[in-house]
């Protein structure tokens, strides 16, 4: 968005998605994105999904269980 000099507020009005949700997307605080939302944003920014997304490998972490002795 910085390359296109468009604010979250302007994009929000253009695509009909709240600035809060766009901010969450921008700051990687979401675990999923609807294709329809991605399509709408890409059309508004005249770009491809690859310009907005990057693949990150998820590494499973082991959960440790701490047992207390009584």
PDB file of N, CA and C in Angstrom:
ATOM      1  N   UNK A   1       0.812  -1.185   0.000  1.00  0.00           N
ATOM      2  CA  UNK A   1       0.000   0.000   0.000  1.00  0.00           C
ATOM      3  C   UNK A   1       0.860   1.255   0.000  1.00  0.00           C
ATOM      4  N   UNK A   2       1.994   1.193   0.679  1.00  0.00           N
ATOM      5  CA  UNK A   2       2.876   2.357   0.704  1.00  0.00           C
ATOM      6  C   UNK A   2       3.373   2.678  -0.697  1.00  0.00           C
ATOM      7  N   UNK A   3       3.631   1.635  -1.495  1.00  0.00           N
ATOM      8  CA  UNK A   3       4.076   1.846  -2.874  1.00  0.00           C
ATOM      9  C   UNK A   3       3.016   2.580  -3.682  1.00  0.00           C
ATOM     10  N   UNK A   4       1.768   2.333  -3.365  1.00  0.00           N
ATOM     11  CA  UNK A   4       0.661   2.936  -4.112  1.00  0.00           C
ATOM     12  C   UNK A   4       0.159   4.222  -3.448  1.00  0.00           C
ATOM     13  N   UNK A   5       0.763   4.568  -2.316  1.00  0.00           N
ATOM     14  CA  UNK A   5       0.402   5.781  -1.577  1.00  0.00           C
ATOM     15  C   UNK A   5      -1.096   5.851  -1.284  1.00  0.00           C
ATOM     16  N   UNK A   6      -1.602   4.775  -0.680  1.00  0.00           N
ATOM     17  CA  UNK A   6      -3.014   4.712  -0.302  1.00  0.00           C
ATOM     18  C   UNK A   6      -3.081   4.355   1.185  1.00  0.00           C
ATOM     19  N   UNK A   7      -3.906   5.061   1.912  1.00  0.00           N
ATOM     20  CA  UNK A   7      -4.032   4.818   3.349  1.00  0.00           C
ATOM     21  C   UNK A   7      -5.019   3.682   3.611  1.00  0.00           C
ATOM     22  N   UNK A   8      -4.942   3.129   4.824  1.00  0.00           N
ATOM     23  CA  UNK A   8      -5.906   2.097   5.215  1.00  0.00           C
ATOM     24  C   UNK A   8      -7.321   2.660   5.175  1.00  0.00           C
ATOM     25  N   UNK A   9      -7.465   3.898   5.595  1.00  0.00           N
ATOM     26  CA  UNK A   9      -8.785   4.529   5.611  1.00  0.00           C
ATOM     27  C   UNK A   9      -9.355   4.647   4.196  1.00  0.00           C
ATOM     28  N   UNK A  10      -8.530   5.081   3.249  1.00  0.00           N
ATOM     29  CA  UNK A  10      -8.985   5.221   1.858  1.00  0.00           C
ATOM     30  C   UNK A  10      -9.309   3.848   1.265  1.00  0.00           C
ATOM     31  N   UNK A  11      -8.440   2.866   1.496  1.00  0.00           N
ATOM     32  CA  UNK A  11      -8.683   1.514   0.987  1.00  0.00           C
ATOM     33  C   UNK A  11      -9.948   0.933   1.605  1.00  0.00           C
ATOM     34  N   UNK A  12     -10.140   1.182   2.890  1.00  0.00           N
ATOM     35  CA  UNK A  12     -11.333   0.700   3.589  1.00  0.00           C
ATOM     36  C   UNK A  12     -12.610   1.191   2.908  1.00  0.00           C
ATOM     37  N   UNK A  13     -12.632   2.470   2.597  1.00  0.00           N
ATOM     38  CA  UNK A  13     -13.806   3.043   1.934  1.00  0.00           C
ATOM     39  C   UNK A  13     -13.967   2.483   0.523  1.00  0.00           C
ATOM     40  N   UNK A  14     -12.853   2.238  -0.142  1.00  0.00           N
ATOM     41  CA  UNK A  14     -12.881   1.752  -1.525  1.00  0.00           C
ATOM     42  C   UNK A  14     -13.386   0.312  -1.626  1.00  0.00           C
ATOM     43  N   UNK A  15     -13.022  -0.527  -0.645  1.00  0.00           N
ATOM     44  CA  UNK A  15     -13.358  -1.952  -0.727  1.00  0.00           C
ATOM     45  C   UNK A  15     -14.489  -2.380   0.207  1.00  0.00           C
ATOM     46  N   UNK A  16     -14.894  -1.510   1.124  1.00  0.00           N
ATOM     47  CA  UNK A  16     -15.980  -1.865   2.035  1.00  0.00           C
ATOM     48  C   UNK A  16     -15.570  -2.820   3.140  1.00  0.00           C
ATOM     49  N   UNK A  17     -14.316  -2.749   3.545  1.00  0.00           N
ATOM     50  CA  UNK A  17     -13.801  -3.564   4.647  1.00  0.00           C
ATOM     51  C   UNK A  17     -13.352  -2.585   5.730  1.00  0.00           C
ATOM     52  N   UNK A  18     -13.670  -2.872   6.980  1.00  0.00           N
ATOM     53  CA  UNK A  18     -13.334  -1.931   8.048  1.00  0.00           C
ATOM     54  C   UNK A  18     -11.829  -1.724   8.152  1.00  0.00           C
ATOM     55  N   UNK A  19     -11.445  -0.551   8.631  1.00  0.00           N
ATOM     56  CA  UNK A  19     -10.019  -0.266   8.821  1.00  0.00           C
ATOM     57  C   UNK A  19      -9.417  -1.211   9.855  1.00  0.00           C
ATOM     58  N   UNK A  20     -10.220  -1.624  10.815  1.00  0.00           N
ATOM     59  CA  UNK A  20      -9.734  -2.566  11.835  1.00  0.00           C
ATOM     60  C   UNK A  20      -9.341  -3.886  11.178  1.00  0.00           C
ATOM     61  N   UNK A  21     -10.215  -4.415  10.312  1.00  0.00           N
ATOM     62  CA  UNK A  21      -9.904  -5.681   9.640  1.00  0.00           C
ATOM     63  C   UNK A  21      -8.729  -5.535   8.681  1.00  0.00           C
ATOM     64  N   UNK A  22      -8.644  -4.423   7.978  1.00  0.00           N
ATOM     65  CA  UNK A  22      -7.502  -4.202   7.086  1.00  0.00           C
ATOM     66  C   UNK A  22      -6.207  -4.096   7.886  1.00  0.00           C
ATOM     67  N   UNK A  23      -6.270  -3.449   9.035  1.00  0.00           N
ATOM     68  CA  UNK A  23      -5.097  -3.332   9.897  1.00  0.00           C
ATOM     69  C   UNK A  23      -4.639  -4.702  10.384  1.00  0.00           C
ATOM     70  N   UNK A  24      -5.591  -5.552  10.750  1.00  0.00           N
ATOM     71  CA  UNK A  24      -5.253  -6.911  11.182  1.00  0.00           C
ATOM     72  C   UNK A  24      -4.581  -7.682  10.055  1.00  0.00           C
ATOM     73  N   UNK A  25      -5.085  -7.520   8.837  1.00  0.00           N
ATOM     74  CA  UNK A  25      -4.465  -8.177   7.682  1.00  0.00           C
ATOM     75  C   UNK A  25      -3.049  -7.662   7.463  1.00  0.00           C
ATOM     76  N   UNK A  26      -2.904  -6.357   7.491  1.00  0.00           N
ATOM     77  CA  UNK A  26      -1.607  -5.723   7.246  1.00  0.00           C
ATOM     78  C   UNK A  26      -0.567  -6.145   8.278  1.00  0.00           C
ATOM     79  N   UNK A  27      -0.995  -6.284   9.526  1.00  0.00           N
ATOM     80  CA  UNK A  27      -0.077  -6.608  10.617  1.00  0.00           C
ATOM     81  C   UNK A  27      -0.021  -8.098  10.941  1.00  0.00           C
ATOM     82  N   UNK A  28      -0.541  -8.910  10.026  1.00  0.00           N
ATOM     83  CA  UNK A  28      -0.476 -10.373  10.130  1.00  0.00           C
ATOM     84  C   UNK A  28      -1.098 -10.907  11.410  1.00  0.00           C
ATOM     85  N   UNK A  29      -2.254 -10.369  11.789  1.00  0.00           N
ATOM     86  CA  UNK A  29      -2.958 -10.834  12.982  1.00  0.00           C
ATOM     87  C   UNK A  29      -4.202 -11.633  12.640  1.00  0.00           C
ATOM     88  N   UNK A  30      -4.197 -12.262  11.480  1.00  0.00           N
ATOM     89  CA  UNK A  30      -5.310 -13.122  11.074  1.00  0.00           C
ATOM     90  C   UNK A  30      -4.759 -14.484  10.676  1.00  0.00           C
ATOM     91  N   UNK A  31      -5.573 -15.503  10.840  1.00  0.00           N
ATOM     92  CA  UNK A  31      -5.121 -16.845  10.475  1.00  0.00           C
ATOM     93  C   UNK A  31      -5.697 -17.303   9.144  1.00  0.00           C
ATOM     94  N   UNK A  32      -6.676 -16.564   8.625  1.00  0.00           N
ATOM     95  CA  UNK A  32      -7.291 -16.936   7.347  1.00  0.00           C
ATOM     96  C   UNK A  32      -7.834 -15.688   6.655  1.00  0.00           C
ATOM     97  N   UNK A  33      -7.909 -15.774   5.333  1.00  0.00           N
ATOM     98  CA  UNK A  33      -8.458 -14.680   4.531  1.00  0.00           C
ATOM     99  C   UNK A  33      -9.411 -15.288   3.513  1.00  0.00           C
ATOM    100  N   UNK A  34     -10.592 -14.730   3.401  1.00  0.00           N
ATOM    101  CA  UNK A  34     -11.547 -15.209   2.395  1.00  0.00           C
ATOM    102  C   UNK A  34     -11.057 -14.817   1.009  1.00  0.00           C
ATOM    103  N   UNK A  35     -11.287 -15.711   0.052  1.00  0.00           N
ATOM    104  CA  UNK A  35     -10.902 -15.413  -1.326  1.00  0.00           C
ATOM    105  C   UNK A  35     -11.624 -14.174  -1.835  1.00  0.00           C
ATOM    106  N   UNK A  36     -12.873 -14.004  -1.439  1.00  0.00           N
ATOM    107  CA  UNK A  36     -13.633 -12.834  -1.896  1.00  0.00           C
ATOM    108  C   UNK A  36     -13.008 -11.536  -1.385  1.00  0.00           C
ATOM    109  N   UNK A  37     -12.516 -11.547  -0.144  1.00  0.00           N
ATOM    110  CA  UNK A  37     -11.861 -10.368   0.412  1.00  0.00           C
ATOM    111  C   UNK A  37     -10.543 -10.102  -0.312  1.00  0.00           C
ATOM    112  N   UNK A  38      -9.786 -11.155  -0.544  1.00  0.00           N
ATOM    113  CA  UNK A  38      -8.518 -11.029  -1.262  1.00  0.00           C
ATOM    114  C   UNK A  38      -8.756 -10.497  -2.670  1.00  0.00           C
ATOM    115  N   UNK A  39      -9.776 -11.006  -3.328  1.00  0.00           N
ATOM    116  CA  UNK A  39     -10.121 -10.561  -4.677  1.00  0.00           C
ATOM    117  C   UNK A  39     -10.488  -9.077  -4.684  1.00  0.00           C
ATOM    118  N   UNK A  40     -11.281  -8.662  -3.720  1.00  0.00           N
ATOM    119  CA  UNK A  40     -11.707  -7.265  -3.629  1.00  0.00           C
ATOM    120  C   UNK A  40     -10.513  -6.334  -3.413  1.00  0.00           C
ATOM    121  N   UNK A  41      -9.609  -6.727  -2.527  1.00  0.00           N
ATOM    122  CA  UNK A  41      -8.426  -5.905  -2.255  1.00  0.00           C
ATOM    123  C   UNK A  41      -7.518  -5.849  -3.477  1.00  0.00           C
ATOM    124  N   UNK A  42      -7.326  -6.986  -4.138  1.00  0.00           N
ATOM    125  CA  UNK A  42      -6.484  -7.021  -5.341  1.00  0.00           C
ATOM    126  C   UNK A  42      -7.051  -6.136  -6.448  1.00  0.00           C
ATOM    127  N   UNK A  43      -8.352  -6.169  -6.623  1.00  0.00           N
ATOM    128  CA  UNK A  43      -8.978  -5.310  -7.643  1.00  0.00           C
ATOM    129  C   UNK A  43      -8.773  -3.838  -7.307  1.00  0.00           C
ATOM    130  N   UNK A  44      -8.939  -3.487  -6.041  1.00  0.00           N
ATOM    131  CA  UNK A  44      -8.792  -2.090  -5.621  1.00  0.00           C
ATOM    132  C   UNK A  44      -7.359  -1.597  -5.784  1.00  0.00           C
ATOM    133  N   UNK A  45      -6.393  -2.484  -5.542  1.00  0.00           N
ATOM    134  CA  UNK A  45      -4.984  -2.099  -5.643  1.00  0.00           C
ATOM    135  C   UNK A  45      -4.383  -2.419  -7.006  1.00  0.00           C
ATOM    136  N   UNK A  46      -5.183  -3.041  -7.880  1.00  0.00           N
ATOM    137  CA  UNK A  46      -4.723  -3.445  -9.208  1.00  0.00           C
ATOM    138  C   UNK A  46      -3.439  -4.273  -9.105  1.00  0.00           C
ATOM    139  N   UNK A  47      -3.546  -5.366  -8.341  1.00  0.00           N
ATOM    140  CA  UNK A  47      -2.386  -6.234  -8.138  1.00  0.00           C
ATOM    141  C   UNK A  47      -2.824  -7.699  -8.110  1.00  0.00           C
ATOM    142  N   UNK A  48      -1.873  -8.574  -7.949  1.00  0.00           N
ATOM    143  CA  UNK A  48      -2.113 -10.010  -7.860  1.00  0.00           C
ATOM    144  C   UNK A  48      -1.980 -10.457  -6.401  1.00  0.00           C
ATOM    145  N   UNK A  49      -2.613 -11.575  -6.022  1.00  0.00           N
ATOM    146  CA  UNK A  49      -2.484 -12.068  -4.653  1.00  0.00           C
ATOM    147  C   UNK A  49      -1.026 -12.253  -4.218  1.00  0.00           C
ATOM    148  N   UNK A  50      -0.167 -12.658  -5.130  1.00  0.00           N
ATOM    149  CA  UNK A  50       1.249 -12.854  -4.794  1.00  0.00           C
ATOM    150  C   UNK A  50       1.916 -11.556  -4.349  1.00  0.00           C
ATOM    151  N   UNK A  51       1.357 -10.422  -4.740  1.00  0.00           N
ATOM    152  CA  UNK A  51       1.900  -9.139  -4.301  1.00  0.00           C
ATOM    153  C   UNK A  51       1.541  -8.840  -2.848  1.00  0.00           C
ATOM    154  N   UNK A  52       0.555  -9.543  -2.330  1.00  0.00           N
ATOM    155  CA  UNK A  52       0.080  -9.293  -0.971  1.00  0.00           C
ATOM    156  C   UNK A  52       0.431 -10.403   0.011  1.00  0.00           C
ATOM    157  N   UNK A  53       0.644 -11.610  -0.494  1.00  0.00           N
ATOM    158  CA  UNK A  53       0.837 -12.770   0.370  1.00  0.00           C
ATOM    159  C   UNK A  53       2.247 -13.324   0.274  1.00  0.00           C
ATOM    160  N   UNK A  54       2.668 -13.940   1.358  1.00  0.00           N
ATOM    161  CA  UNK A  54       3.943 -14.654   1.376  1.00  0.00           C
ATOM    162  C   UNK A  54       3.739 -15.943   2.163  1.00  0.00           C
ATOM    163  N   UNK A  55       4.336 -17.013   1.685  1.00  0.00           N
ATOM    164  CA  UNK A  55       4.214 -18.307   2.351  1.00  0.00           C
ATOM    165  C   UNK A  55       5.148 -18.359   3.551  1.00  0.00           C
ATOM    166  N   UNK A  56       4.632 -18.839   4.681  1.00  0.00           N
ATOM    167  CA  UNK A  56       5.449 -19.056   5.864  1.00  0.00           C
ATOM    168  C   UNK A  56       5.184 -20.461   6.373  1.00  0.00           C
ATOM    169  N   UNK A  57       6.232 -21.223   6.525  1.00  0.00           N
ATOM    170  CA  UNK A  57       6.105 -22.584   7.016  1.00  0.00           C
ATOM    171  C   UNK A  57       5.739 -22.552   8.499  1.00  0.00           C
ATOM    172  N   UNK A  58       4.755 -23.365   8.853  1.00  0.00           N
ATOM    173  CA  UNK A  58       4.332 -23.462  10.244  1.00  0.00           C
ATOM    174  C   UNK A  58       5.048 -24.649  10.873  1.00  0.00           C
ATOM    175  N   UNK A  59       5.735 -24.382  11.947  1.00  0.00           N
ATOM    176  CA  UNK A  59       6.451 -25.436  12.663  1.00  0.00           C
ATOM    177  C   UNK A  59       5.636 -25.793  13.900  1.00  0.00           C
ATOM    178  N   UNK A  60       5.285 -27.071  13.983  1.00  0.00           N
ATOM    179  CA  UNK A  60       4.510 -27.517  15.138  1.00  0.00           C
ATOM    180  C   UNK A  60       5.404 -27.493  16.375  1.00  0.00           C
ATOM    181  N   UNK A  61       4.865 -26.957  17.416  1.00  0.00           N
ATOM    182  CA  UNK A  61       5.601 -26.901  18.668  1.00  0.00           C
ATOM    183  C   UNK A  61       5.020 -27.925  19.628  1.00  0.00           C
ATOM    184  N   UNK A  62       5.892 -28.548  20.362  1.00  0.00           N
ATOM    185  CA  UNK A  62       5.433 -29.505  21.361  1.00  0.00           C
ATOM    186  C   UNK A  62       4.916 -28.739  22.571  1.00  0.00           C
ATOM    187  N   UNK A  63       3.790 -29.187  23.073  1.00  0.00           N
ATOM    188  CA  UNK A  63       3.240 -28.595  24.279  1.00  0.00           C
ATOM    189  C   UNK A  63       3.712 -29.412  25.473  1.00  0.00           C
ATOM    190  N   UNK A  64       4.238 -28.737  26.430  1.00  0.00           N
ATOM    191  CA  UNK A  64       4.713 -29.413  27.627  1.00  0.00           C
ATOM    192  C   UNK A  64       3.628 -29.364  28.692  1.00  0.00           C
ATOM    193  N   UNK A  65       3.397 -30.493  29.295  1.00  0.00           N
ATOM    194  CA  UNK A  65       2.422 -30.565  30.373  1.00  0.00           C
ATOM    195  C   UNK A  65       3.179 -30.648  31.685  1.00  0.00           C
ATOM    196  N   UNK A  66       2.888 -29.741  32.552  1.00  0.00           N
ATOM    197  CA  UNK A  66       3.545 -29.737  33.855  1.00  0.00           C
ATOM    198  C   UNK A  66       2.571 -30.335  34.861  1.00  0.00           C
ATOM    199  N   UNK A  67       3.014 -31.412  35.469  1.00  0.00           N
ATOM    200  CA  UNK A  67       2.179 -32.072  36.464  1.00  0.00           C
ATOM    201  C   UNK A  67       2.683 -31.697  37.851  1.00  0.00           C
ATOM    202  N   UNK A  68       1.762 -31.271  38.668  1.00  0.00           N
ATOM    203  CA  UNK A  68       2.156 -30.935  40.036  1.00  0.00           C
ATOM    204  C   UNK A  68       1.944 -32.155  40.925  1.00  0.00           C
ATOM    205  N   UNK A  69       2.882 -32.338  41.803  1.00  0.00           N
ATOM    206  CA  UNK A  69       2.779 -33.466  42.731  1.00  0.00           C
ATOM    207  C   UNK A  69       2.107 -32.979  44.007  1.00  0.00           C
ATOM    208  N   UNK A  70       1.148 -33.766  44.481  1.00  0.00           N
ATOM    209  CA  UNK A  70       0.422 -33.386  45.701  1.00  0.00           C
ATOM    210  C   UNK A  70       0.889 -34.181  46.875  1.00  0.00           C
TER     211      UNK A  70
END
